[in-house]
């Protein structure tokens, strides 16, 4: 008689512990190296890009929204705020760039929550890949969407008469700054996506955060036209710093202190919400 069955009454079976297959695979697979993690993350980014290509509706917010908002705000508010459309465009276009990129990054959390609800990450759990790859890959792929949104805004502005004084370098600088800020803010929505109960709730929370920050800023009207209490909030709003920095770059080709404040705010958001997102994400996988 073996030691495992010694002392056990005849006919009594021992229940074996139930082991999750994904957990068993995770325990047996070797540790993923840094190079493999980078390669797997890029593979997940390519997967996200292919998913966007096969679902063209995911590009509606980055293609139609810049064109629609630029024309709509320019012709509706141009005469009332600046006297005419051409005078309003240097104020408006950088504001639309900031608004478009920030609203585009909201979909990051929504798509993440949808994948989690559909069980996609349950499949990833059983694969010998770095656990951070399915999270970081879509974040990298979304950079393409931010570039498209910001680029189309400037293209539309040029079509209706906007002539950036900063030239091509200034415009590229404004686009890159907006893309960086959008990528940083996307970590907030990613964190919301890992803790929310559904994709619809992610969208609701994201709009509740994003819309006040966007419209209670200097994106569409000069700060001097606002009442005192509202003007005080607008001046400390991080979106206002982004808009002011984009205007300095695109309209004057100047790297002002607003650029530094925008970069600092973006880094602060990444430092806070990237670890929170990763921690909350790992709890689900």
C-alpha atoms as a PDB file:
ATOM      1  CA  UNK A   1       0.000   0.000   0.000  1.00  0.00           C
ATOM      2  CA  UNK A   2       1.324   3.418  -0.956  1.00  0.00           C
ATOM      3  CA  UNK A   3       1.773   6.216   1.500  1.00  0.00           C
ATOM      4  CA  UNK A   4      -0.861   8.259  -0.442  1.00  0.00           C
ATOM      5  CA  UNK A   5      -3.556   5.640   0.342  1.00  0.00           C
ATOM      6  CA  UNK A   6      -2.360   4.613   3.797  1.00  0.00           C
ATOM      7  CA  UNK A   7      -4.918   5.258   6.503  1.00  0.00           C
ATOM      8  CA  UNK A   8      -7.797   5.781   4.040  1.00  0.00           C
ATOM      9  CA  UNK A   9     -10.884   3.584   4.455  1.00  0.00           C
ATOM     10  CA  UNK A  10     -11.492   1.109   1.570  1.00  0.00           C
ATOM     11  CA  UNK A  11     -13.790   2.369  -1.169  1.00  0.00           C
ATOM     12  CA  UNK A  12     -13.261   6.062  -0.353  1.00  0.00           C
ATOM     13  CA  UNK A  13     -11.951   8.101  -3.232  1.00  0.00           C
ATOM     14  CA  UNK A  14      -9.776  11.149  -2.808  1.00  0.00           C
ATOM     15  CA  UNK A  15     -10.944  14.260  -4.659  1.00  0.00           C
ATOM     16  CA  UNK A  16      -8.225  15.787  -6.731  1.00  0.00           C
ATOM     17  CA  UNK A  17      -7.946  19.580  -6.596  1.00  0.00           C
ATOM     18  CA  UNK A  18      -9.515  21.419  -9.526  1.00  0.00           C
ATOM     19  CA  UNK A  19      -6.881  23.289 -11.502  1.00  0.00           C
ATOM     20  CA  UNK A  20      -7.687  26.015 -13.995  1.00  0.00           C
ATOM     21  CA  UNK A  21      -6.111  25.016 -17.359  1.00  0.00           C
ATOM     22  CA  UNK A  22      -4.996  28.580 -18.058  1.00  0.00           C
ATOM     23  CA  UNK A  23      -3.311  28.758 -14.648  1.00  0.00           C
ATOM     24  CA  UNK A  24      -1.563  25.427 -15.263  1.00  0.00           C
ATOM     25  CA  UNK A  25      -0.240  26.656 -18.614  1.00  0.00           C
ATOM     26  CA  UNK A  26       0.925  29.914 -17.074  1.00  0.00           C
ATOM     27  CA  UNK A  27       2.880  27.994 -14.413  1.00  0.00           C
ATOM     28  CA  UNK A  28       4.663  25.771 -16.914  1.00  0.00           C
ATOM     29  CA  UNK A  29       5.610  28.366 -19.509  1.00  0.00           C
ATOM     30  CA  UNK A  30       9.031  30.023 -19.278  1.00  0.00           C
ATOM     31  CA  UNK A  31       9.501  33.628 -18.257  1.00  0.00           C
ATOM     32  CA  UNK A  32       8.982  36.022 -21.175  1.00  0.00           C
ATOM     33  CA  UNK A  33      12.033  38.081 -22.057  1.00  0.00           C
ATOM     34  CA  UNK A  34      11.985  41.793 -22.827  1.00  0.00           C
ATOM     35  CA  UNK A  35      12.528  41.166 -26.526  1.00  0.00           C
ATOM     36  CA  UNK A  36       9.674  38.683 -26.666  1.00  0.00           C
ATOM     37  CA  UNK A  37       7.426  41.101 -24.793  1.00  0.00           C
ATOM     38  CA  UNK A  38       8.145  43.836 -27.348  1.00  0.00           C
ATOM     39  CA  UNK A  39       7.550  41.452 -30.255  1.00  0.00           C
ATOM     40  CA  UNK A  40       4.283  40.185 -28.765  1.00  0.00           C
ATOM     41  CA  UNK A  41       3.115  43.718 -28.042  1.00  0.00           C
ATOM     42  CA  UNK A  42       3.719  44.700 -31.672  1.00  0.00           C
ATOM     43  CA  UNK A  43       1.795  41.587 -32.750  1.00  0.00           C
ATOM     44  CA  UNK A  44      -1.139  42.688 -30.608  1.00  0.00           C
ATOM     45  CA  UNK A  45      -0.861  46.169 -32.156  1.00  0.00           C
ATOM     46  CA  UNK A  46      -1.014  44.619 -35.633  1.00  0.00           C
ATOM     47  CA  UNK A  47      -4.059  42.615 -34.546  1.00  0.00           C
ATOM     48  CA  UNK A  48      -5.760  45.826 -33.430  1.00  0.00           C
ATOM     49  CA  UNK A  49      -4.952  47.534 -36.740  1.00  0.00           C
ATOM     50  CA  UNK A  50      -6.389  44.593 -38.712  1.00  0.00           C
ATOM     51  CA  UNK A  51      -9.480  44.729 -36.527  1.00  0.00           C
ATOM     52  CA  UNK A  52      -9.892  48.425 -37.377  1.00  0.00           C
ATOM     53  CA  UNK A  53      -9.485  47.677 -41.085  1.00  0.00           C
ATOM     54  CA  UNK A  54     -12.186  45.010 -40.977  1.00  0.00           C
ATOM     55  CA  UNK A  55     -14.509  47.285 -38.981  1.00  0.00           C
ATOM     56  CA  UNK A  56     -14.507  50.606 -40.884  1.00  0.00           C
ATOM     57  CA  UNK A  57     -17.007  52.118 -38.439  1.00  0.00           C
ATOM     58  CA  UNK A  58     -14.137  52.390 -35.940  1.00  0.00           C
ATOM     59  CA  UNK A  59     -12.653  55.069 -38.211  1.00  0.00           C
ATOM     60  CA  UNK A  60     -15.780  57.215 -38.367  1.00  0.00           C
ATOM     61  CA  UNK A  61     -14.794  59.246 -35.297  1.00  0.00           C
ATOM     62  CA  UNK A  62     -11.315  59.963 -36.689  1.00  0.00           C
ATOM     63  CA  UNK A  63     -12.397  60.733 -40.254  1.00  0.00           C
ATOM     64  CA  UNK A  64     -15.866  62.280 -40.198  1.00  0.00           C
ATOM     65  CA  UNK A  65     -15.685  64.053 -36.839  1.00  0.00           C
ATOM     66  CA  UNK A  66     -12.691  66.309 -37.686  1.00  0.00           C
ATOM     67  CA  UNK A  67     -14.279  67.341 -40.977  1.00  0.00           C
ATOM     68  CA  UNK A  68     -17.730  67.922 -39.514  1.00  0.00           C
ATOM     69  CA  UNK A  69     -16.663  69.751 -36.365  1.00  0.00           C
ATOM     70  CA  UNK A  70     -14.153  71.966 -38.148  1.00  0.00           C
ATOM     71  CA  UNK A  71     -16.660  73.177 -40.745  1.00  0.00           C
ATOM     72  CA  UNK A  72     -19.545  73.416 -38.279  1.00  0.00           C
ATOM     73  CA  UNK A  73     -17.755  75.431 -35.591  1.00  0.00           C
ATOM     74  CA  UNK A  74     -15.971  77.628 -38.120  1.00  0.00           C
ATOM     75  CA  UNK A  75     -19.089  78.793 -39.933  1.00  0.00           C
ATOM     76  CA  UNK A  76     -21.399  78.904 -36.916  1.00  0.00           C
ATOM     77  CA  UNK A  77     -19.144  80.698 -34.421  1.00  0.00           C
ATOM     78  CA  UNK A  78     -16.591  82.409 -36.664  1.00  0.00           C
ATOM     79  CA  UNK A  79     -18.580  85.581 -37.263  1.00  0.00           C
ATOM     80  CA  UNK A  80     -19.885  85.835 -33.707  1.00  0.00           C
ATOM     81  CA  UNK A  81     -16.521  85.399 -31.966  1.00  0.00           C
ATOM     82  CA  UNK A  82     -13.915  86.825 -34.349  1.00  0.00           C
ATOM     83  CA  UNK A  83     -15.952  88.774 -36.879  1.00  0.00           C
ATOM     84  CA  UNK A  84     -15.317  86.382 -39.768  1.00  0.00           C
ATOM     85  CA  UNK A  85     -14.333  82.785 -40.427  1.00  0.00           C
ATOM     86  CA  UNK A  86     -10.741  83.412 -41.536  1.00  0.00           C
ATOM     87  CA  UNK A  87      -9.938  85.341 -38.354  1.00  0.00           C
ATOM     88  CA  UNK A  88     -11.461  82.589 -36.218  1.00  0.00           C
ATOM     89  CA  UNK A  89      -9.531  79.688 -37.781  1.00  0.00           C
ATOM     90  CA  UNK A  90      -6.177  80.298 -35.976  1.00  0.00           C
ATOM     91  CA  UNK A  91      -8.117  80.139 -32.702  1.00  0.00           C
ATOM     92  CA  UNK A  92     -10.335  77.225 -33.705  1.00  0.00           C
ATOM     93  CA  UNK A  93      -8.152  74.702 -35.538  1.00  0.00           C
ATOM     94  CA  UNK A  94      -5.753  73.900 -32.650  1.00  0.00           C
ATOM     95  CA  UNK A  95      -8.786  73.630 -30.370  1.00  0.00           C
ATOM     96  CA  UNK A  96     -10.492  71.177 -32.734  1.00  0.00           C
ATOM     97  CA  UNK A  97      -7.258  69.150 -32.932  1.00  0.00           C
ATOM     98  CA  UNK A  98      -7.205  68.814 -29.137  1.00  0.00           C
ATOM     99  CA  UNK A  99     -10.904  67.982 -28.934  1.00  0.00           C
ATOM    100  CA  UNK A 100     -10.781  65.415 -31.744  1.00  0.00           C
ATOM    101  CA  UNK A 101      -7.758  63.546 -30.403  1.00  0.00           C
ATOM    102  CA  UNK A 102      -9.112  63.465 -26.860  1.00  0.00           C
ATOM    103  CA  UNK A 103     -12.551  62.212 -27.895  1.00  0.00           C
ATOM    104  CA  UNK A 104     -10.883  59.610 -30.116  1.00  0.00           C
ATOM    105  CA  UNK A 105      -8.865  58.154 -27.241  1.00  0.00           C
ATOM    106  CA  UNK A 106     -12.114  57.506 -25.360  1.00  0.00           C
ATOM    107  CA  UNK A 107     -12.729  54.446 -27.534  1.00  0.00           C
ATOM    108  CA  UNK A 108      -9.616  52.763 -26.104  1.00  0.00           C
ATOM    109  CA  UNK A 109     -11.379  51.868 -22.873  1.00  0.00           C
ATOM    110  CA  UNK A 110     -14.576  50.919 -24.677  1.00  0.00           C
ATOM    111  CA  UNK A 111     -12.790  48.453 -26.990  1.00  0.00           C
ATOM    112  CA  UNK A 112     -10.876  46.985 -24.057  1.00  0.00           C
ATOM    113  CA  UNK A 113     -14.066  46.377 -22.091  1.00  0.00           C
ATOM    114  CA  UNK A 114     -15.727  44.780 -25.108  1.00  0.00           C
ATOM    115  CA  UNK A 115     -12.810  42.360 -25.554  1.00  0.00           C
ATOM    116  CA  UNK A 116     -12.950  41.463 -21.872  1.00  0.00           C
ATOM    117  CA  UNK A 117     -16.718  40.879 -22.019  1.00  0.00           C
ATOM    118  CA  UNK A 118     -16.396  38.681 -25.115  1.00  0.00           C
ATOM    119  CA  UNK A 119     -13.827  36.421 -23.443  1.00  0.00           C
ATOM    120  CA  UNK A 120     -10.954  37.371 -25.743  1.00  0.00           C
ATOM    121  CA  UNK A 121      -8.583  37.758 -22.802  1.00  0.00           C
ATOM    122  CA  UNK A 122      -9.514  34.296 -21.528  1.00  0.00           C
ATOM    123  CA  UNK A 123      -7.932  33.000 -24.721  1.00  0.00           C
ATOM    124  CA  UNK A 124      -4.866  35.181 -24.199  1.00  0.00           C
ATOM    125  CA  UNK A 125      -4.463  33.720 -20.696  1.00  0.00           C
ATOM    126  CA  UNK A 126      -3.770  30.275 -22.140  1.00  0.00           C
ATOM    127  CA  UNK A 127      -1.191  31.520 -24.642  1.00  0.00           C
ATOM    128  CA  UNK A 128       2.538  31.718 -23.861  1.00  0.00           C
ATOM    129  CA  UNK A 129       2.684  35.507 -24.209  1.00  0.00           C
ATOM    130  CA  UNK A 130       3.469  38.394 -21.909  1.00  0.00           C
ATOM    131  CA  UNK A 131       0.374  39.430 -20.015  1.00  0.00           C
ATOM    132  CA  UNK A 132       0.991  43.108 -20.754  1.00  0.00           C
ATOM    133  CA  UNK A 133       1.027  42.558 -24.548  1.00  0.00           C
ATOM    134  CA  UNK A 134      -2.778  42.433 -25.096  1.00  0.00           C
ATOM    135  CA  UNK A 135      -3.093  45.703 -23.166  1.00  0.00           C
ATOM    136  CA  UNK A 136      -0.170  47.636 -24.632  1.00  0.00           C
ATOM    137  CA  UNK A 137      -0.703  46.493 -28.233  1.00  0.00           C
ATOM    138  CA  UNK A 138      -4.006  48.324 -28.828  1.00  0.00           C
ATOM    139  CA  UNK A 139      -2.558  51.398 -27.124  1.00  0.00           C
ATOM    140  CA  UNK A 140       0.186  51.500 -29.753  1.00  0.00           C
ATOM    141  CA  UNK A 141      -2.270  50.876 -32.584  1.00  0.00           C
ATOM    142  CA  UNK A 142      -4.404  53.798 -31.432  1.00  0.00           C
ATOM    143  CA  UNK A 143      -1.528  56.160 -32.214  1.00  0.00           C
ATOM    144  CA  UNK A 144      -2.474  55.714 -35.874  1.00  0.00           C
ATOM    145  CA  UNK A 145      -6.019  56.858 -35.148  1.00  0.00           C
ATOM    146  CA  UNK A 146      -4.762  59.950 -33.302  1.00  0.00           C
ATOM    147  CA  UNK A 147      -2.487  60.857 -36.208  1.00  0.00           C
ATOM    148  CA  UNK A 148      -5.340  60.525 -38.694  1.00  0.00           C
ATOM    149  CA  UNK A 149      -7.691  62.638 -36.567  1.00  0.00           C
ATOM    150  CA  UNK A 150      -5.183  65.445 -35.999  1.00  0.00           C
ATOM    151  CA  UNK A 151      -3.944  65.419 -39.600  1.00  0.00           C
ATOM    152  CA  UNK A 152      -7.429  65.592 -41.109  1.00  0.00           C
ATOM    153  CA  UNK A 153      -8.313  68.530 -38.863  1.00  0.00           C
ATOM    154  CA  UNK A 154      -5.425  70.592 -40.211  1.00  0.00           C
ATOM    155  CA  UNK A 155      -6.215  69.479 -43.772  1.00  0.00           C
ATOM    156  CA  UNK A 156      -9.839  70.580 -43.394  1.00  0.00           C
ATOM    157  CA  UNK A 157      -8.739  73.863 -41.842  1.00  0.00           C
ATOM    158  CA  UNK A 158      -6.448  74.520 -44.798  1.00  0.00           C
ATOM    159  CA  UNK A 159      -9.286  73.798 -47.227  1.00  0.00           C
ATOM    160  CA  UNK A 160     -11.531  76.444 -45.642  1.00  0.00           C
ATOM    161  CA  UNK A 161      -8.782  79.053 -45.406  1.00  0.00           C
ATOM    162  CA  UNK A 162      -6.477  78.358 -42.442  1.00  0.00           C
ATOM    163  CA  UNK A 163      -2.853  79.320 -43.045  1.00  0.00           C
ATOM    164  CA  UNK A 164      -0.635  78.258 -40.110  1.00  0.00           C
ATOM    165  CA  UNK A 165       2.156  80.748 -39.498  1.00  0.00           C
ATOM    166  CA  UNK A 166       4.359  78.074 -37.967  1.00  0.00           C
ATOM    167  CA  UNK A 167       4.610  76.253 -41.280  1.00  0.00           C
ATOM    168  CA  UNK A 168       5.056  72.509 -41.617  1.00  0.00           C
ATOM    169  CA  UNK A 169       7.371  72.145 -38.565  1.00  0.00           C
ATOM    170  CA  UNK A 170       4.896  73.978 -36.351  1.00  0.00           C
ATOM    171  CA  UNK A 171       1.956  71.917 -37.577  1.00  0.00           C
ATOM    172  CA  UNK A 172       3.872  68.657 -37.109  1.00  0.00           C
ATOM    173  CA  UNK A 173       4.867  69.749 -33.611  1.00  0.00           C
ATOM    174  CA  UNK A 174       1.246  70.522 -32.734  1.00  0.00           C
ATOM    175  CA  UNK A 175       0.114  67.147 -34.095  1.00  0.00           C
ATOM    176  CA  UNK A 176       2.765  65.208 -32.181  1.00  0.00           C
ATOM    177  CA  UNK A 177       1.964  67.057 -28.970  1.00  0.00           C
ATOM    178  CA  UNK A 178      -1.749  66.322 -29.384  1.00  0.00           C
ATOM    179  CA  UNK A 179      -1.022  62.651 -30.131  1.00  0.00           C
ATOM    180  CA  UNK A 180       1.140  62.347 -27.014  1.00  0.00           C
ATOM    181  CA  UNK A 181      -1.524  63.969 -24.869  1.00  0.00           C
ATOM    182  CA  UNK A 182      -4.229  61.741 -26.332  1.00  0.00           C
ATOM    183  CA  UNK A 183      -2.111  58.660 -25.661  1.00  0.00           C
ATOM    184  CA  UNK A 184      -1.573  59.782 -22.068  1.00  0.00           C
ATOM    185  CA  UNK A 185      -5.277  60.476 -21.487  1.00  0.00           C
ATOM    186  CA  UNK A 186      -6.102  57.076 -23.002  1.00  0.00           C
ATOM    187  CA  UNK A 187      -4.564  55.458 -19.917  1.00  0.00           C
ATOM    188  CA  UNK A 188      -7.369  56.988 -17.851  1.00  0.00           C
ATOM    189  CA  UNK A 189      -9.987  55.428 -20.109  1.00  0.00           C
ATOM    190  CA  UNK A 190      -8.055  52.152 -20.122  1.00  0.00           C
ATOM    191  CA  UNK A 191      -8.225  52.066 -16.333  1.00  0.00           C
ATOM    192  CA  UNK A 192     -11.945  52.784 -16.483  1.00  0.00           C
ATOM    193  CA  UNK A 193     -12.308  49.946 -18.986  1.00  0.00           C
ATOM    194  CA  UNK A 194     -10.767  47.471 -16.538  1.00  0.00           C
ATOM    195  CA  UNK A 195     -13.041  48.414 -13.631  1.00  0.00           C
ATOM    196  CA  UNK A 196     -16.350  49.201 -15.374  1.00  0.00           C
ATOM    197  CA  UNK A 197     -19.062  46.570 -15.747  1.00  0.00           C
ATOM    198  CA  UNK A 198     -19.832  47.118 -19.413  1.00  0.00           C
ATOM    199  CA  UNK A 199     -18.660  48.967 -22.514  1.00  0.00           C
ATOM    200  CA  UNK A 200     -21.652  51.291 -22.253  1.00  0.00           C
ATOM    201  CA  UNK A 201     -20.692  52.324 -18.733  1.00  0.00           C
ATOM    202  CA  UNK A 202     -17.129  52.984 -19.910  1.00  0.00           C
ATOM    203  CA  UNK A 203     -18.462  55.322 -22.569  1.00  0.00           C
ATOM    204  CA  UNK A 204     -20.701  57.083 -20.055  1.00  0.00           C
ATOM    205  CA  UNK A 205     -17.916  57.630 -17.529  1.00  0.00           C
ATOM    206  CA  UNK A 206     -15.510  58.753 -20.255  1.00  0.00           C
ATOM    207  CA  UNK A 207     -17.923  61.350 -21.633  1.00  0.00           C
ATOM    208  CA  UNK A 208     -18.597  62.590 -18.117  1.00  0.00           C
ATOM    209  CA  UNK A 209     -14.879  63.262 -17.703  1.00  0.00           C
ATOM    210  CA  UNK A 210     -13.964  64.376 -21.201  1.00  0.00           C
ATOM    211  CA  UNK A 211     -16.749  66.734 -22.201  1.00  0.00           C
ATOM    212  CA  UNK A 212     -16.343  69.202 -19.307  1.00  0.00           C
ATOM    213  CA  UNK A 213     -12.569  69.229 -19.774  1.00  0.00           C
ATOM    214  CA  UNK A 214     -12.933  69.860 -23.505  1.00  0.00           C
ATOM    215  CA  UNK A 215     -15.703  72.453 -23.599  1.00  0.00           C
ATOM    216  CA  UNK A 216     -14.718  74.227 -20.367  1.00  0.00           C
ATOM    217  CA  UNK A 217     -11.425  75.207 -21.941  1.00  0.00           C
ATOM    218  CA  UNK A 218     -10.051  77.853 -24.282  1.00  0.00           C
ATOM    219  CA  UNK A 219     -10.549  75.592 -27.315  1.00  0.00           C
ATOM    220  CA  UNK A 220     -13.369  77.604 -28.871  1.00  0.00           C
ATOM    221  CA  UNK A 221     -13.493  81.016 -27.188  1.00  0.00           C
ATOM    222  CA  UNK A 222     -10.887  83.410 -25.754  1.00  0.00           C
ATOM    223  CA  UNK A 223     -10.506  83.214 -21.970  1.00  0.00           C
ATOM    224  CA  UNK A 224     -11.035  86.969 -21.629  1.00  0.00           C
ATOM    225  CA  UNK A 225     -14.660  86.594 -22.715  1.00  0.00           C
ATOM    226  CA  UNK A 226     -15.509  84.238 -19.822  1.00  0.00           C
ATOM    227  CA  UNK A 227     -16.797  85.171 -16.355  1.00  0.00           C
ATOM    228  CA  UNK A 228     -14.309  85.216 -13.484  1.00  0.00           C
ATOM    229  CA  UNK A 229     -14.942  81.839 -11.829  1.00  0.00           C
ATOM    230  CA  UNK A 230     -15.149  79.995 -15.140  1.00  0.00           C
ATOM    231  CA  UNK A 231     -12.043  81.761 -16.462  1.00  0.00           C
ATOM    232  CA  UNK A 232     -10.102  80.635 -13.380  1.00  0.00           C
ATOM    233  CA  UNK A 233     -11.001  77.003 -14.051  1.00  0.00           C
ATOM    234  CA  UNK A 234     -10.217  77.297 -17.760  1.00  0.00           C
ATOM    235  CA  UNK A 235      -6.733  78.636 -17.004  1.00  0.00           C
ATOM    236  CA  UNK A 236      -5.807  75.566 -14.915  1.00  0.00           C
ATOM    237  CA  UNK A 237      -7.547  73.074 -17.197  1.00  0.00           C
ATOM    238  CA  UNK A 238      -4.889  70.762 -18.762  1.00  0.00           C
ATOM    239  CA  UNK A 239      -6.776  70.839 -22.070  1.00  0.00           C
ATOM    240  CA  UNK A 240      -6.329  74.628 -22.164  1.00  0.00           C
ATOM    241  CA  UNK A 241      -2.571  74.166 -21.868  1.00  0.00           C
ATOM    242  CA  UNK A 242      -2.640  71.718 -24.774  1.00  0.00           C
ATOM    243  CA  UNK A 243      -4.697  74.087 -26.924  1.00  0.00           C
ATOM    244  CA  UNK A 244      -2.447  77.064 -26.112  1.00  0.00           C
ATOM    245  CA  UNK A 245       0.667  75.005 -26.853  1.00  0.00           C
ATOM    246  CA  UNK A 246      -0.785  73.810 -30.171  1.00  0.00           C
ATOM    247  CA  UNK A 247      -1.610  77.408 -31.119  1.00  0.00           C
ATOM    248  CA  UNK A 248       1.907  78.578 -30.298  1.00  0.00           C
ATOM    249  CA  UNK A 249       3.385  75.793 -32.419  1.00  0.00           C
ATOM    250  CA  UNK A 250       1.012  75.908 -35.394  1.00  0.00           C
ATOM    251  CA  UNK A 251       0.377  79.660 -35.582  1.00  0.00           C
ATOM    252  CA  UNK A 252       3.802  80.992 -34.581  1.00  0.00           C
ATOM    253  CA  UNK A 253       6.242  78.070 -34.733  1.00  0.00           C
ATOM    254  CA  UNK A 254       7.133  78.801 -31.111  1.00  0.00           C
ATOM    255  CA  UNK A 255       7.911  76.336 -28.322  1.00  0.00           C
ATOM    256  CA  UNK A 256       6.434  78.137 -25.325  1.00  0.00           C
ATOM    257  CA  UNK A 257       6.093  77.238 -21.669  1.00  0.00           C
ATOM    258  CA  UNK A 258       2.651  75.840 -22.496  1.00  0.00           C
ATOM    259  CA  UNK A 259       4.382  72.988 -24.327  1.00  0.00           C
ATOM    260  CA  UNK A 260       6.335  72.153 -21.188  1.00  0.00           C
ATOM    261  CA  UNK A 261       3.217  72.236 -18.996  1.00  0.00           C
ATOM    262  CA  UNK A 262       1.399  69.974 -21.440  1.00  0.00           C
ATOM    263  CA  UNK A 263       4.222  67.438 -21.507  1.00  0.00           C
ATOM    264  CA  UNK A 264       4.452  67.528 -17.716  1.00  0.00           C
ATOM    265  CA  UNK A 265       0.709  66.957 -17.312  1.00  0.00           C
ATOM    266  CA  UNK A 266       0.807  64.064 -19.790  1.00  0.00           C
ATOM    267  CA  UNK A 267       3.705  62.408 -17.983  1.00  0.00           C
ATOM    268  CA  UNK A 268       1.888  62.790 -14.645  1.00  0.00           C
ATOM    269  CA  UNK A 269      -1.189  61.054 -16.069  1.00  0.00           C
ATOM    270  CA  UNK A 270       0.941  58.204 -17.436  1.00  0.00           C
ATOM    271  CA  UNK A 271       2.817  57.747 -14.156  1.00  0.00           C
ATOM    272  CA  UNK A 272      -0.432  57.528 -12.211  1.00  0.00           C
ATOM    273  CA  UNK A 273      -2.826  55.669 -14.488  1.00  0.00           C
ATOM    274  CA  UNK A 274      -0.532  53.331 -16.449  1.00  0.00           C
ATOM    275  CA  UNK A 275       0.413  51.297 -13.323  1.00  0.00           C
ATOM    276  CA  UNK A 276      -3.206  51.376 -12.137  1.00  0.00           C
ATOM    277  CA  UNK A 277      -4.398  50.101 -15.518  1.00  0.00           C
ATOM    278  CA  UNK A 278      -1.813  47.313 -15.613  1.00  0.00           C
ATOM    279  CA  UNK A 279      -2.581  46.242 -12.034  1.00  0.00           C
ATOM    280  CA  UNK A 280      -6.331  46.228 -12.593  1.00  0.00           C
ATOM    281  CA  UNK A 281      -5.907  44.462 -15.936  1.00  0.00           C
ATOM    282  CA  UNK A 282      -3.765  41.701 -14.435  1.00  0.00           C
ATOM    283  CA  UNK A 283      -6.379  41.066 -11.780  1.00  0.00           C
ATOM    284  CA  UNK A 284      -8.805  40.085 -14.548  1.00  0.00           C
ATOM    285  CA  UNK A 285      -6.403  37.730 -16.349  1.00  0.00           C
END
